[in-house]
Amino acid sequence: MEMSTRSTADKECCADILNLPDEMAATMEKLGGLEGLRSRVPSRENVIEEARLFQSLSDPIRLQILHALQVADLCPCILKEITALSDSKLSYHLSVLEEAKLVTWSSRKKWRIYMLSELGLSVVDRIARPRE
């Protein structure tokens, strides 16, 4: 019963945007109302790249690859040894990281060498920083 009361209360809370608690009303007024708030929040279309970035960071294997590439630029054969992945699985994870613009690669003779992109360096530096 409490659940339905809470749900009803939540609906009532925002049903009348003009009847907000004083603190919330002051915040909304400062923001320029609902339209002012909307203008400060990116649209779904504008956060697709952000979502892709976070999705790519949500896998421990990909984080392990990023940390390895922070230490040195590496070829797939070394990354394969570090991660204990098959060629196809490593290739998949590297493609996800490339798509998110976290890693890049260059050809050196017959070798493909992976390295962190500028974005990748920034992200790994931020997540590797000791907690304060």
Protein backbone atom coordinates (compact mmCIF):
# COMPACT_ATOMS: atom_id res chain seq x y z
CA MET A 1 0.00 0.00 0.00
CA GLU A 2 2.85 2.37 0.81
CA MET A 3 4.24 1.75 -2.68
CA SER A 4 1.09 3.01 -4.40
CA THR A 5 0.94 6.02 -2.04
CA ARG A 6 4.53 6.92 -2.90
CA SER A 7 3.81 6.55 -6.61
CA THR A 8 0.74 8.76 -6.30
CA ALA A 9 2.71 11.30 -4.27
CA ASP A 10 5.45 11.34 -6.94
CA LYS A 11 2.87 11.99 -9.63
CA GLU A 12 1.26 14.75 -7.57
CA CYS A 13 4.68 16.31 -6.89
CA CYS A 14 5.35 17.13 -10.51
CA ALA A 15 1.77 17.40 -11.77
CA ASP A 16 1.75 21.12 -10.98
CA ILE A 17 5.14 22.54 -11.86
CA LEU A 18 4.08 25.86 -10.37
CA ASN A 19 3.48 24.25 -6.97
CA LEU A 20 7.05 23.07 -6.34
CA PRO A 21 8.77 23.26 -2.95
CA ASP A 22 10.37 26.69 -2.44
CA GLU A 23 13.94 25.42 -2.85
CA MET A 24 13.12 23.65 -6.13
CA ALA A 25 11.09 26.60 -7.41
CA ALA A 26 14.05 28.93 -6.74
CA THR A 27 16.39 26.56 -8.60
CA MET A 28 14.02 26.30 -11.55
CA GLU A 29 13.59 30.08 -11.64
CA LYS A 30 17.37 30.54 -11.62
CA LEU A 31 17.63 28.10 -14.56
CA GLY A 32 14.95 29.88 -16.57
CA GLY A 33 12.18 27.41 -15.92
CA LEU A 34 11.70 24.03 -17.52
CA GLU A 35 12.87 25.29 -20.93
CA GLY A 36 16.04 26.71 -19.36
CA LEU A 37 16.72 23.34 -17.75
CA ARG A 38 16.00 21.49 -21.01
CA SER A 39 18.44 23.75 -22.86
CA ARG A 40 21.23 22.70 -20.45
CA VAL A 41 20.63 18.95 -20.81
CA PRO A 42 22.00 17.32 -23.97
CA SER A 43 19.53 15.51 -26.18
CA ARG A 44 19.70 11.73 -26.51
CA GLU A 45 21.21 12.13 -29.96
CA ASN A 46 23.98 14.28 -28.50
CA VAL A 47 25.03 11.73 -25.88
CA ILE A 48 25.44 8.74 -28.21
CA GLU A 49 29.24 9.11 -28.29
CA GLU A 50 29.30 9.47 -24.51
CA ALA A 51 27.21 6.33 -24.13
CA ARG A 52 29.53 4.43 -26.49
CA LEU A 53 32.51 5.58 -24.44
CA PHE A 54 30.99 4.42 -21.15
CA GLN A 55 29.86 1.15 -22.70
CA SER A 56 33.37 0.48 -23.96
CA LEU A 57 34.74 1.13 -20.47
CA SER A 58 32.29 -1.27 -18.83
CA ASP A 59 34.26 -4.41 -19.66
CA PRO A 60 37.21 -5.56 -17.48
CA ILE A 61 39.08 -6.95 -20.49
CA ARG A 62 38.93 -3.62 -22.29
CA LEU A 63 40.08 -1.83 -19.17
CA GLN A 64 42.98 -4.27 -18.92
CA ILE A 65 43.91 -3.50 -22.55
CA LEU A 66 43.78 0.24 -21.87
CA HIS A 67 46.02 -0.12 -18.84
CA ALA A 68 48.49 -2.23 -20.82
CA LEU A 69 48.57 0.41 -23.56
CA GLN A 70 49.21 3.07 -20.94
CA VAL A 71 52.48 1.26 -20.14
CA ALA A 72 53.57 0.85 -23.78
CA ASP A 73 52.37 0.77 -27.38
CA LEU A 74 51.80 -2.92 -28.11
CA CYS A 75 51.15 -5.35 -30.93
CA PRO A 76 48.17 -7.73 -30.78
CA CYS A 77 50.38 -10.75 -30.05
CA ILE A 78 51.53 -9.20 -26.76
CA LEU A 79 48.02 -8.01 -25.90
CA LYS A 80 46.82 -11.54 -26.57
CA GLU A 81 49.34 -12.89 -24.04
CA ILE A 82 48.43 -10.29 -21.42
CA THR A 83 44.68 -10.82 -21.74
CA ALA A 84 44.72 -14.58 -22.47
CA LEU A 85 42.21 -14.04 -25.28
CA SER A 86 41.84 -15.75 -28.62
CA ASP A 87 42.63 -13.72 -31.74
CA SER A 88 38.96 -13.19 -32.55
CA LYS A 89 38.02 -12.05 -29.02
CA LEU A 90 40.98 -9.68 -28.83
CA SER A 91 40.08 -8.30 -32.24
CA TYR A 92 36.51 -7.69 -31.06
CA HIS A 93 37.62 -5.83 -27.93
CA LEU A 94 40.14 -3.74 -29.86
CA SER A 95 37.47 -2.79 -32.40
CA VAL A 96 35.14 -1.65 -29.58
CA LEU A 97 37.95 0.50 -28.16
CA GLU A 98 38.72 1.89 -31.63
CA GLU A 99 35.06 2.70 -32.24
CA ALA A 100 34.97 4.60 -28.95
CA LYS A 101 38.10 6.47 -30.11
CA LEU A 102 40.10 5.27 -27.10
CA VAL A 103 42.79 3.46 -29.08
CA THR A 104 44.40 3.89 -32.44
CA TRP A 105 47.02 1.94 -34.34
CA SER A 106 49.79 2.41 -36.84
CA SER A 107 51.56 0.07 -39.22
CA ARG A 108 55.23 -0.60 -38.64
CA LYS A 109 56.56 -2.87 -41.35
CA LYS A 110 54.23 -5.90 -41.18
CA TRP A 111 53.13 -5.11 -37.62
CA ARG A 112 50.05 -3.31 -36.37
CA ILE A 113 50.92 -1.42 -33.19
CA TYR A 114 48.12 -0.26 -30.87
CA MET A 115 48.37 2.84 -28.72
CA LEU A 116 46.11 5.01 -26.63
CA SER A 117 44.53 7.93 -28.45
CA GLU A 118 44.51 11.37 -26.85
CA LEU A 119 41.06 10.56 -25.44
CA GLY A 120 42.29 7.16 -24.26
CA LEU A 121 45.24 8.75 -22.46
CA SER A 122 42.91 11.21 -20.76
CA VAL A 123 40.47 8.50 -19.68
CA VAL A 124 43.14 6.10 -18.37
CA ASP A 125 44.92 8.90 -16.51
CA ARG A 126 41.65 9.81 -14.86
CA ILE A 127 40.65 6.26 -13.86
CA ALA A 128 44.19 5.28 -12.82
CA ARG A 129 44.61 8.30 -10.55
CA PRO A 130 44.81 7.27 -6.89
CA ARG A 131 41.61 7.87 -4.96
CA GLU A 132 41.79 10.83 -2.58
